[in-house]
C-alpha atoms as a PDB file:
ATOM      1  CA  UNK A   1     199.840  49.064 202.491  1.00  0.00           C
ATOM      2  CA  UNK A   2     199.108  45.378 203.157  1.00  0.00           C
ATOM      3  CA  UNK A   3     197.084  44.668 206.271  1.00  0.00           C
ATOM      4  CA  UNK A   4     196.927  41.332 208.041  1.00  0.00           C
ATOM      5  CA  UNK A   5     193.630  39.801 208.992  1.00  0.00           C
ATOM      6  CA  UNK A   6     193.210  40.469 212.714  1.00  0.00           C
ATOM      7  CA  UNK A   7     192.115  37.621 214.947  1.00  0.00           C
ATOM      8  CA  UNK A   8     191.265  39.686 218.030  1.00  0.00           C
ATOM      9  CA  UNK A   9     190.330  43.177 219.145  1.00  0.00           C
ATOM     10  CA  UNK A  10     193.893  44.237 220.003  1.00  0.00           C
ATOM     11  CA  UNK A  11     195.162  43.303 216.547  1.00  0.00           C
ATOM     12  CA  UNK A  12     192.250  45.099 214.872  1.00  0.00           C
ATOM     13  CA  UNK A  13     192.936  48.266 216.888  1.00  0.00           C
ATOM     14  CA  UNK A  14     196.640  48.072 216.013  1.00  0.00           C
ATOM     15  CA  UNK A  15     195.766  47.715 212.311  1.00  0.00           C
ATOM     16  CA  UNK A  16     193.381  50.655 212.546  1.00  0.00           C
ATOM     17  CA  UNK A  17     196.136  52.809 214.062  1.00  0.00           C
ATOM     18  CA  UNK A  18     198.644  51.818 211.378  1.00  0.00           C
ATOM     19  CA  UNK A  19     196.144  52.647 208.639  1.00  0.00           C
ATOM     20  CA  UNK A  20     195.463  56.022 210.265  1.00  0.00           C
ATOM     21  CA  UNK A  21     199.189  56.767 210.233  1.00  0.00           C
ATOM     22  CA  UNK A  22     199.422  55.643 206.601  1.00  0.00           C
ATOM     23  CA  UNK A  23     196.535  57.942 205.652  1.00  0.00           C
ATOM     24  CA  UNK A  24     198.168  60.858 207.432  1.00  0.00           C
ATOM     25  CA  UNK A  25     201.537  60.217 205.750  1.00  0.00           C
ATOM     26  CA  UNK A  26     199.846  59.799 202.369  1.00  0.00           C
ATOM     27  CA  UNK A  27     198.039  63.116 202.722  1.00  0.00           C
ATOM     28  CA  UNK A  28     201.243  64.908 203.744  1.00  0.00           C
ATOM     29  CA  UNK A  29     203.162  63.408 200.829  1.00  0.00           C
ATOM     30  CA  UNK A  30     200.392  64.416 198.449  1.00  0.00           C
ATOM     31  CA  UNK A  31     200.349  68.024 199.679  1.00  0.00           C
ATOM     32  CA  UNK A  32     204.145  68.271 199.580  1.00  0.00           C
ATOM     33  CA  UNK A  33     204.242  66.852 196.046  1.00  0.00           C
ATOM     34  CA  UNK A  34     201.537  69.223 194.806  1.00  0.00           C
ATOM     35  CA  UNK A  35     203.019  72.346 196.384  1.00  0.00           C
ATOM     36  CA  UNK A  36     205.782  73.038 193.856  1.00  0.00           C
ATOM     37  CA  UNK A  37     203.690  71.873 190.880  1.00  0.00           C
ATOM     38  CA  UNK A  38     200.811  74.127 191.926  1.00  0.00           C
ATOM     39  CA  UNK A  39     203.181  77.080 192.230  1.00  0.00           C
ATOM     40  CA  UNK A  40     204.491  76.413 188.727  1.00  0.00           C
ATOM     41  CA  UNK A  41     200.953  76.170 187.336  1.00  0.00           C
ATOM     42  CA  UNK A  42     199.869  79.387 189.057  1.00  0.00           C
ATOM     43  CA  UNK A  43     202.966  81.268 187.958  1.00  0.00           C
ATOM     44  CA  UNK A  44     202.565  80.224 184.306  1.00  0.00           C
ATOM     45  CA  UNK A  45     198.842  81.019 184.330  1.00  0.00           C
ATOM     46  CA  UNK A  46     199.419  84.447 185.860  1.00  0.00           C
ATOM     47  CA  UNK A  47     202.042  85.242 183.236  1.00  0.00           C
ATOM     48  CA  UNK A  48     199.638  84.191 180.482  1.00  0.00           C
ATOM     49  CA  UNK A  49     196.818  86.312 181.888  1.00  0.00           C
ATOM     50  CA  UNK A  50     198.970  89.364 182.420  1.00  0.00           C
ATOM     51  CA  UNK A  51     200.544  89.179 178.971  1.00  0.00           C
ATOM     52  CA  UNK A  52     197.285  88.729 177.079  1.00  0.00           C
ATOM     53  CA  UNK A  53     195.626  91.551 179.012  1.00  0.00           C
ATOM     54  CA  UNK A  54     198.539  93.947 178.587  1.00  0.00           C
ATOM     55  CA  UNK A  55     198.810  93.186 174.879  1.00  0.00           C
ATOM     56  CA  UNK A  56     195.031  93.549 174.521  1.00  0.00           C
ATOM     57  CA  UNK A  57     194.830  90.303 172.547  1.00  0.00           C
ATOM     58  CA  UNK A  58     191.617  88.483 173.522  1.00  0.00           C
ATOM     59  CA  UNK A  59     192.381  85.642 171.084  1.00  0.00           C
ATOM     60  CA  UNK A  60     195.738  84.091 170.141  1.00  0.00           C
ATOM     61  CA  UNK A  61     196.592  81.135 167.910  1.00  0.00           C
ATOM     62  CA  UNK A  62     199.005  78.533 169.283  1.00  0.00           C
ATOM     63  CA  UNK A  63     201.510  76.777 167.057  1.00  0.00           C
ATOM     64  CA  UNK A  64     201.494  73.111 166.051  1.00  0.00           C
ATOM     65  CA  UNK A  65     197.701  73.044 165.987  1.00  0.00           C
ATOM     66  CA  UNK A  66     197.471  73.259 169.761  1.00  0.00           C
ATOM     67  CA  UNK A  67     194.355  75.372 169.560  1.00  0.00           C
ATOM     68  CA  UNK A  68     193.650  78.877 170.828  1.00  0.00           C
ATOM     69  CA  UNK A  69     193.829  80.925 174.001  1.00  0.00           C
ATOM     70  CA  UNK A  70     191.299  83.592 174.798  1.00  0.00           C
ATOM     71  CA  UNK A  71     190.591  86.020 177.595  1.00  0.00           C
ATOM     72  CA  UNK A  72     187.096  85.807 179.000  1.00  0.00           C
ATOM     73  CA  UNK A  73     185.119  86.912 182.027  1.00  0.00           C
ATOM     74  CA  UNK A  74     183.963  84.269 184.488  1.00  0.00           C
ATOM     75  CA  UNK A  75     181.341  84.711 187.191  1.00  0.00           C
ATOM     76  CA  UNK A  76     181.676  82.984 190.557  1.00  0.00           C
ATOM     77  CA  UNK A  77     179.345  82.932 193.531  1.00  0.00           C
ATOM     78  CA  UNK A  78     180.470  83.345 197.137  1.00  0.00           C
ATOM     79  CA  UNK A  79     178.947  81.726 200.215  1.00  0.00           C
ATOM     80  CA  UNK A  80     175.862  83.194 201.860  1.00  0.00           C
ATOM     81  CA  UNK A  81     177.639  85.209 204.558  1.00  0.00           C
ATOM     82  CA  UNK A  82     175.907  87.614 206.936  1.00  0.00           C
ATOM     83  CA  UNK A  83     177.743  90.652 205.535  1.00  0.00           C
ATOM     84  CA  UNK A  84     176.681  89.732 201.999  1.00  0.00           C
ATOM     85  CA  UNK A  85     173.041  89.242 202.979  1.00  0.00           C
ATOM     86  CA  UNK A  86     173.000  92.445 205.046  1.00  0.00           C
ATOM     87  CA  UNK A  87     174.295  94.538 202.150  1.00  0.00           C
ATOM     88  CA  UNK A  88     171.805  92.930 199.773  1.00  0.00           C
ATOM     89  CA  UNK A  89     168.889  93.490 202.157  1.00  0.00           C
ATOM     90  CA  UNK A  90     169.747  97.174 202.627  1.00  0.00           C
ATOM     91  CA  UNK A  91     170.038  97.688 198.863  1.00  0.00           C
ATOM     92  CA  UNK A  92     166.773  95.819 198.226  1.00  0.00           C
ATOM     93  CA  UNK A  93     164.866  97.847 200.830  1.00  0.00           C
ATOM     94  CA  UNK A  94     166.158 101.092 199.323  1.00  0.00           C
ATOM     95  CA  UNK A  95     164.995 100.025 195.875  1.00  0.00           C
ATOM     96  CA  UNK A  96     161.690  98.838 197.297  1.00  0.00           C
ATOM     97  CA  UNK A  97     161.019 102.236 198.883  1.00  0.00           C
ATOM     98  CA  UNK A  98     162.308 104.193 195.903  1.00  0.00           C
ATOM     99  CA  UNK A  99     159.990 102.348 193.508  1.00  0.00           C
ATOM    100  CA  UNK A 100     156.963 102.865 195.721  1.00  0.00           C
ATOM    101  CA  UNK A 101     156.757  99.407 197.230  1.00  0.00           C
ATOM    102  CA  UNK A 102     155.293 100.552 200.573  1.00  0.00           C
ATOM    103  CA  UNK A 103     152.368 102.200 198.733  1.00  0.00           C
ATOM    104  CA  UNK A 104     151.481  99.077 196.750  1.00  0.00           C
ATOM    105  CA  UNK A 105     148.749  96.622 197.745  1.00  0.00           C
ATOM    106  CA  UNK A 106     150.062  94.054 200.229  1.00  0.00           C
ATOM    107  CA  UNK A 107     150.427  91.184 197.765  1.00  0.00           C
ATOM    108  CA  UNK A 108     152.073  93.377 195.109  1.00  0.00           C
ATOM    109  CA  UNK A 109     154.403  94.918 197.710  1.00  0.00           C
ATOM    110  CA  UNK A 110     155.417  91.484 198.925  1.00  0.00           C
ATOM    111  CA  UNK A 111     156.198  90.256 195.397  1.00  0.00           C
ATOM    112  CA  UNK A 112     158.076  93.469 194.621  1.00  0.00           C
ATOM    113  CA  UNK A 113     160.274  93.193 197.700  1.00  0.00           C
ATOM    114  CA  UNK A 114     160.973  89.544 196.914  1.00  0.00           C
ATOM    115  CA  UNK A 115     162.094  90.422 193.382  1.00  0.00           C
ATOM    116  CA  UNK A 116     164.352  93.155 194.754  1.00  0.00           C
ATOM    117  CA  UNK A 117     165.861  90.766 197.271  1.00  0.00           C
ATOM    118  CA  UNK A 118     166.503  88.043 194.706  1.00  0.00           C
ATOM    119  CA  UNK A 119     168.298  90.495 192.442  1.00  0.00           C
ATOM    120  CA  UNK A 120     170.389  92.101 195.174  1.00  0.00           C
ATOM    121  CA  UNK A 121     171.363  88.808 196.816  1.00  0.00           C
ATOM    122  CA  UNK A 122     172.386  87.388 193.426  1.00  0.00           C
ATOM    123  CA  UNK A 123     174.403  90.506 192.603  1.00  0.00           C
ATOM    124  CA  UNK A 124     176.017  90.640 196.060  1.00  0.00           C
ATOM    125  CA  UNK A 125     177.133  87.015 195.833  1.00  0.00           C
ATOM    126  CA  UNK A 126     178.427  87.257 192.265  1.00  0.00           C
ATOM    127  CA  UNK A 127     181.997  88.228 191.427  1.00  0.00           C
ATOM    128  CA  UNK A 128     183.345  88.606 187.904  1.00  0.00           C
ATOM    129  CA  UNK A 129     187.002  88.005 187.166  1.00  0.00           C
ATOM    130  CA  UNK A 130     189.171  87.645 184.092  1.00  0.00           C
ATOM    131  CA  UNK A 131     190.218  84.146 183.067  1.00  0.00           C
ATOM    132  CA  UNK A 132     192.247  82.548 180.277  1.00  0.00           C
ATOM    133  CA  UNK A 133     190.729  79.538 178.552  1.00  0.00           C
ATOM    134  CA  UNK A 134     192.123  77.082 176.048  1.00  0.00           C
ATOM    135  CA  UNK A 135     189.908  75.843 173.199  1.00  0.00           C
ATOM    136  CA  UNK A 136     190.593  73.577 170.249  1.00  0.00           C
ATOM    137  CA  UNK A 137     188.274  75.263 167.742  1.00  0.00           C
ATOM    138  CA  UNK A 138     187.900  78.940 166.975  1.00  0.00           C
ATOM    139  CA  UNK A 139     184.295  80.192 167.171  1.00  0.00           C
ATOM    140  CA  UNK A 140     182.896  81.417 163.851  1.00  0.00           C
ATOM    141  CA  UNK A 141     182.110  84.851 165.227  1.00  0.00           C
ATOM    142  CA  UNK A 142     185.810  85.517 165.929  1.00  0.00           C
ATOM    143  CA  UNK A 143     187.419  87.131 162.907  1.00  0.00           C
ATOM    144  CA  UNK A 144     190.672  88.560 164.261  1.00  0.00           C
ATOM    145  CA  UNK A 145     193.297  86.265 165.779  1.00  0.00           C
ATOM    146  CA  UNK A 146     196.947  86.950 166.541  1.00  0.00           C
ATOM    147  CA  UNK A 147     199.709  84.371 166.605  1.00  0.00           C
ATOM    148  CA  UNK A 148     200.989  83.619 170.094  1.00  0.00           C
ATOM    149  CA  UNK A 149     204.420  84.942 170.965  1.00  0.00           C
ATOM    150  CA  UNK A 150     207.177  82.590 172.125  1.00  0.00           C
ATOM    151  CA  UNK A 151     206.706  83.898 175.660  1.00  0.00           C
ATOM    152  CA  UNK A 152     203.025  82.986 175.588  1.00  0.00           C
ATOM    153  CA  UNK A 153     203.778  79.599 174.026  1.00  0.00           C
ATOM    154  CA  UNK A 154     206.380  78.779 176.681  1.00  0.00           C
ATOM    155  CA  UNK A 155     204.078  79.684 179.545  1.00  0.00           C
ATOM    156  CA  UNK A 156     201.211  77.814 177.942  1.00  0.00           C
ATOM    157  CA  UNK A 157     203.367  74.679 177.786  1.00  0.00           C
ATOM    158  CA  UNK A 158     204.430  75.121 181.419  1.00  0.00           C
ATOM    159  CA  UNK A 159     200.794  75.583 182.414  1.00  0.00           C
ATOM    160  CA  UNK A 160     199.691  72.436 180.567  1.00  0.00           C
ATOM    161  CA  UNK A 161     202.589  70.362 181.916  1.00  0.00           C
ATOM    162  CA  UNK A 162     201.754  71.396 185.483  1.00  0.00           C
ATOM    163  CA  UNK A 163     198.056  70.604 185.030  1.00  0.00           C
ATOM    164  CA  UNK A 164     198.904  67.181 183.602  1.00  0.00           C
ATOM    165  CA  UNK A 165     201.244  66.402 186.500  1.00  0.00           C
ATOM    166  CA  UNK A 166     198.678  67.534 189.065  1.00  0.00           C
ATOM    167  CA  UNK A 167     195.989  65.401 187.461  1.00  0.00           C
ATOM    168  CA  UNK A 168     198.298  62.380 187.515  1.00  0.00           C
ATOM    169  CA  UNK A 169     199.328  62.916 191.132  1.00  0.00           C
ATOM    170  CA  UNK A 170     195.732  63.501 192.171  1.00  0.00           C
ATOM    171  CA  UNK A 171     194.534  60.352 190.414  1.00  0.00           C
ATOM    172  CA  UNK A 172     197.193  58.215 192.073  1.00  0.00           C
ATOM    173  CA  UNK A 173     196.441  59.792 195.444  1.00  0.00           C
ATOM    174  CA  UNK A 174     192.708  59.166 195.162  1.00  0.00           C
ATOM    175  CA  UNK A 175     193.313  55.550 194.153  1.00  0.00           C
ATOM    176  CA  UNK A 176     195.777  54.899 196.988  1.00  0.00           C
ATOM    177  CA  UNK A 177     193.619  56.671 199.563  1.00  0.00           C
ATOM    178  CA  UNK A 178     190.559  54.697 198.493  1.00  0.00           C
ATOM    179  CA  UNK A 179     192.404  51.444 199.249  1.00  0.00           C
ATOM    180  CA  UNK A 180     193.468  52.683 202.686  1.00  0.00           C
ATOM    181  CA  UNK A 181     189.977  53.924 203.516  1.00  0.00           C
ATOM    182  CA  UNK A 182     188.517  50.557 202.531  1.00  0.00           C
ATOM    183  CA  UNK A 183     190.994  48.856 204.856  1.00  0.00           C
ATOM    184  CA  UNK A 184     190.164  51.366 207.594  1.00  0.00           C
ATOM    185  CA  UNK A 185     186.450  50.646 207.249  1.00  0.00           C
ATOM    186  CA  UNK A 186     187.154  46.920 207.503  1.00  0.00           C
ATOM    187  CA  UNK A 187     188.962  47.470 210.813  1.00  0.00           C
ATOM    188  CA  UNK A 188     186.118  49.616 212.156  1.00  0.00           C
ATOM    189  CA  UNK A 189     183.696  46.847 211.250  1.00  0.00           C
ATOM    190  CA  UNK A 190     185.704  44.257 213.204  1.00  0.00           C
ATOM    191  CA  UNK A 191     183.631  43.095 216.204  1.00  0.00           C
ATOM    192  CA  UNK A 192     184.187  45.300 219.242  1.00  0.00           C
ATOM    193  CA  UNK A 193     186.337  48.022 217.608  1.00  0.00           C
ATOM    194  CA  UNK A 194     183.732  50.779 217.419  1.00  0.00           C
ATOM    195  CA  UNK A 195     182.409  49.894 220.858  1.00  0.00           C
ATOM    196  CA  UNK A 196     185.923  50.225 222.268  1.00  0.00           C
ATOM    197  CA  UNK A 197     186.624  53.492 220.457  1.00  0.00           C
ATOM    198  CA  UNK A 198     183.321  55.015 221.531  1.00  0.00           C
ATOM    199  CA  UNK A 199     184.198  54.061 225.069  1.00  0.00           C
ATOM    200  CA  UNK A 200     187.425  56.111 225.101  1.00  0.00           C
ATOM    201  CA  UNK A 201     185.392  59.293 224.466  1.00  0.00           C
ATOM    202  CA  UNK A 202     186.586  62.686 223.290  1.00  0.00           C
ATOM    203  CA  UNK A 203     189.482  62.845 225.784  1.00  0.00           C
ATOM    204  CA  UNK A 204     190.982  59.829 224.098  1.00  0.00           C
ATOM    205  CA  UNK A 205     193.030  56.805 225.013  1.00  0.00           C
ATOM    206  CA  UNK A 206     196.846  57.196 224.907  1.00  0.00           C
ATOM    207  CA  UNK A 207     198.465  54.386 222.934  1.00  0.00           C
ATOM    208  CA  UNK A 208     201.980  53.243 222.099  1.00  0.00           C
ATOM    209  CA  UNK A 209     202.475  51.703 218.673  1.00  0.00           C
ATOM    210  CA  UNK A 210     205.095  49.110 217.870  1.00  0.00           C
ATOM    211  CA  UNK A 211     207.802  50.630 215.708  1.00  0.00           C
ATOM    212  CA  UNK A 212     206.885  54.153 216.800  1.00  0.00           C
ATOM    213  CA  UNK A 213     208.493  54.235 220.239  1.00  0.00           C
ATOM    214  CA  UNK A 214     209.536  57.870 219.869  1.00  0.00           C
ATOM    215  CA  UNK A 215     205.987  59.037 219.206  1.00  0.00           C
ATOM    216  CA  UNK A 216     202.956  58.925 221.467  1.00  0.00           C
ATOM    217  CA  UNK A 217     199.438  58.893 220.120  1.00  0.00           C
ATOM    218  CA  UNK A 218     195.852  59.185 221.310  1.00  0.00           C
ATOM    219  CA  UNK A 219     192.877  57.242 219.983  1.00  0.00           C
ATOM    220  CA  UNK A 220     189.800  59.486 219.948  1.00  0.00           C
ATOM    221  CA  UNK A 221     186.111  59.350 219.251  1.00  0.00           C
ATOM    222  CA  UNK A 222     184.164  62.532 218.590  1.00  0.00           C
ATOM    223  CA  UNK A 223     180.748  63.277 217.192  1.00  0.00           C
ATOM    224  CA  UNK A 224     181.014  65.833 214.433  1.00  0.00           C
ATOM    225  CA  UNK A 225     178.137  67.958 213.204  1.00  0.00           C
ATOM    226  CA  UNK A 226     178.590  69.879 209.999  1.00  0.00           C
ATOM    227  CA  UNK A 227     176.395  71.940 207.736  1.00  0.00           C
ATOM    228  CA  UNK A 228     175.328  70.364 204.490  1.00  0.00           C
ATOM    229  CA  UNK A 229     176.010  72.062 201.182  1.00  0.00           C
ATOM    230  CA  UNK A 230     173.715  75.044 200.702  1.00  0.00           C
ATOM    231  CA  UNK A 231     172.046  74.911 197.316  1.00  0.00           C
ATOM    232  CA  UNK A 232     170.501  77.755 195.355  1.00  0.00           C
ATOM    233  CA  UNK A 233     167.048  76.281 196.005  1.00  0.00           C
ATOM    234  CA  UNK A 234     167.648  76.648 199.749  1.00  0.00           C
ATOM    235  CA  UNK A 235     168.507  80.336 199.328  1.00  0.00           C
ATOM    236  CA  UNK A 236     165.527  81.062 197.097  1.00  0.00           C
ATOM    237  CA  UNK A 237     163.094  79.371 199.481  1.00  0.00           C
ATOM    238  CA  UNK A 238     164.623  81.208 202.440  1.00  0.00           C
ATOM    239  CA  UNK A 239     164.095  84.549 200.678  1.00  0.00           C
ATOM    240  CA  UNK A 240     160.491  83.690 199.926  1.00  0.00           C
ATOM    241  CA  UNK A 241     159.755  82.518 203.485  1.00  0.00           C
ATOM    242  CA  UNK A 242     161.460  85.546 205.062  1.00  0.00           C
ATOM    243  CA  UNK A 243     159.458  88.029 202.998  1.00  0.00           C
ATOM    244  CA  UNK A 244     156.252  86.120 203.682  1.00  0.00           C
ATOM    245  CA  UNK A 245     156.881  86.235 207.438  1.00  0.00           C
ATOM    246  CA  UNK A 246     157.685  89.954 207.361  1.00  0.00           C
ATOM    247  CA  UNK A 247     154.390  90.715 205.627  1.00  0.00           C
ATOM    248  CA  UNK A 248     152.423  88.305 207.809  1.00  0.00           C
ATOM    249  CA  UNK A 249     153.654  90.168 210.896  1.00  0.00           C
ATOM    250  CA  UNK A 250     152.465  93.437 209.299  1.00  0.00           C
ATOM    251  CA  UNK A 251     155.031  95.455 211.181  1.00  0.00           C
ATOM    252  CA  UNK A 252     157.807  97.791 210.106  1.00  0.00           C
ATOM    253  CA  UNK A 253     160.436  96.075 207.995  1.00  0.00           C
ATOM    254  CA  UNK A 254     163.824  96.113 209.754  1.00  0.00           C
ATOM    255  CA  UNK A 255     166.873  95.178 207.712  1.00  0.00           C
ATOM    256  CA  UNK A 256     168.582  93.291 210.554  1.00  0.00           C
ATOM    257  CA  UNK A 257     165.462  91.175 211.202  1.00  0.00           C
ATOM    258  CA  UNK A 258     165.072  90.350 207.514  1.00  0.00           C
ATOM    259  CA  UNK A 259     168.774  89.485 207.271  1.00  0.00           C
ATOM    260  CA  UNK A 260     168.575  87.021 210.161  1.00  0.00           C
ATOM    261  CA  UNK A 261     165.387  85.446 208.797  1.00  0.00           C
ATOM    262  CA  UNK A 262     167.082  84.810 205.455  1.00  0.00           C
ATOM    263  CA  UNK A 263     170.246  83.380 207.001  1.00  0.00           C
ATOM    264  CA  UNK A 264     168.507  81.141 209.527  1.00  0.00           C
ATOM    265  CA  UNK A 265     166.019  79.967 206.902  1.00  0.00           C
ATOM    266  CA  UNK A 266     168.725  79.033 204.392  1.00  0.00           C
ATOM    267  CA  UNK A 267     170.776  77.193 207.036  1.00  0.00           C
ATOM    268  CA  UNK A 268     167.715  75.320 208.251  1.00  0.00           C
ATOM    269  CA  UNK A 269     166.786  74.220 204.744  1.00  0.00           C
ATOM    270  CA  UNK A 270     170.322  73.119 203.950  1.00  0.00           C
ATOM    271  CA  UNK A 271     170.350  71.093 207.165  1.00  0.00           C
ATOM    272  CA  UNK A 272     173.170  69.423 209.077  1.00  0.00           C
ATOM    273  CA  UNK A 273     174.588  65.934 209.328  1.00  0.00           C
ATOM    274  CA  UNK A 274     176.109  64.182 212.322  1.00  0.00           C
ATOM    275  CA  UNK A 275     178.786  61.510 212.131  1.00  0.00           C
ATOM    276  CA  UNK A 276     181.077  59.487 214.352  1.00  0.00           C
ATOM    277  CA  UNK A 277     184.746  60.383 213.885  1.00  0.00           C
ATOM    278  CA  UNK A 278     187.371  57.867 214.947  1.00  0.00           C
ATOM    279  CA  UNK A 279     190.934  59.144 214.743  1.00  0.00           C
ATOM    280  CA  UNK A 280     194.523  58.706 215.867  1.00  0.00           C
ATOM    281  CA  UNK A 281     196.332  61.897 216.824  1.00  0.00           C
ATOM    282  CA  UNK A 282     199.717  62.867 218.165  1.00  0.00           C
ATOM    283  CA  UNK A 283     199.556  63.208 221.908  1.00  0.00           C
ATOM    284  CA  UNK A 284     200.320  66.518 223.564  1.00  0.00           C
ATOM    285  CA  UNK A 285     200.077  67.901 227.072  1.00  0.00           C
ATOM    286  CA  UNK A 286     200.688  66.028 230.343  1.00  0.00           C
ATOM    287  CA  UNK A 287     201.760  62.376 229.849  1.00  0.00           C
ATOM    288  CA  UNK A 288     199.290  59.683 230.865  1.00  0.00           C
ATOM    289  CA  UNK A 289     199.488  55.906 231.032  1.00  0.00           C
ATOM    290  CA  UNK A 290     199.489  54.489 227.512  1.00  0.00           C
ATOM    291  CA  UNK A 291     198.083  51.239 226.203  1.00  0.00           C
ATOM    292  CA  UNK A 292     200.224  49.161 223.846  1.00  0.00           C
ATOM    293  CA  UNK A 293     198.450  48.139 220.651  1.00  0.00           C
END
């Protein structure tokens, strides 16, 4: 999308709106394009997984020196949800009591409970699932390998083709979106644009765009607060601080209190970030006077 160089605030706002529409259309096109390819990739992968598991063939050799497929177990970690923490805390307290934690000296009891919590939280967050991986070289420790059947070969090819197409589409999308976002930033940096947009507030300013007479839009400014990514270091420090506070209080250990201390501590350490969000949205509800841009 080529954008002209605005000479006044109205032109800059109009360009901003057009870029917003272009970004929205680009995202929709990208999702629509990926939908069928993703389905094909998932279907081929599921057929590969099911076949290799049913045939009990952890390793198969592909033809034409395409490498090998093997079934493996992959561990993934879920988010730190309250239900996960609660289950882990209850399990850790049971182990703590069973192994005589309450009868230990204070410092030893504290360290013991912390070890129990670390183990149970890690186990509660970890899920193991079966996955199929493609490698070029066979590990030396593997001695028995079967040749892939035509069915496996066909689905492997479909899987690879879909992954290649998705990578290509994604790369083009990222490149195109980056150009639009750069243009969008340039419009936001035009003198007076952000001041105007901040002035319309969260209720928004209805606008009518040239060439889009059948559609009504609203320019909006909102302040968005979101949680930052929670790292493992945040979780570990939250566990340590929660246990320390429980023992400092020298009261009875309640699972619900310990759960909330861990959750609030991890969220606090991860932190939040606040940002201005300027957007163009389709207008709904009762019509209001619109401004042409």
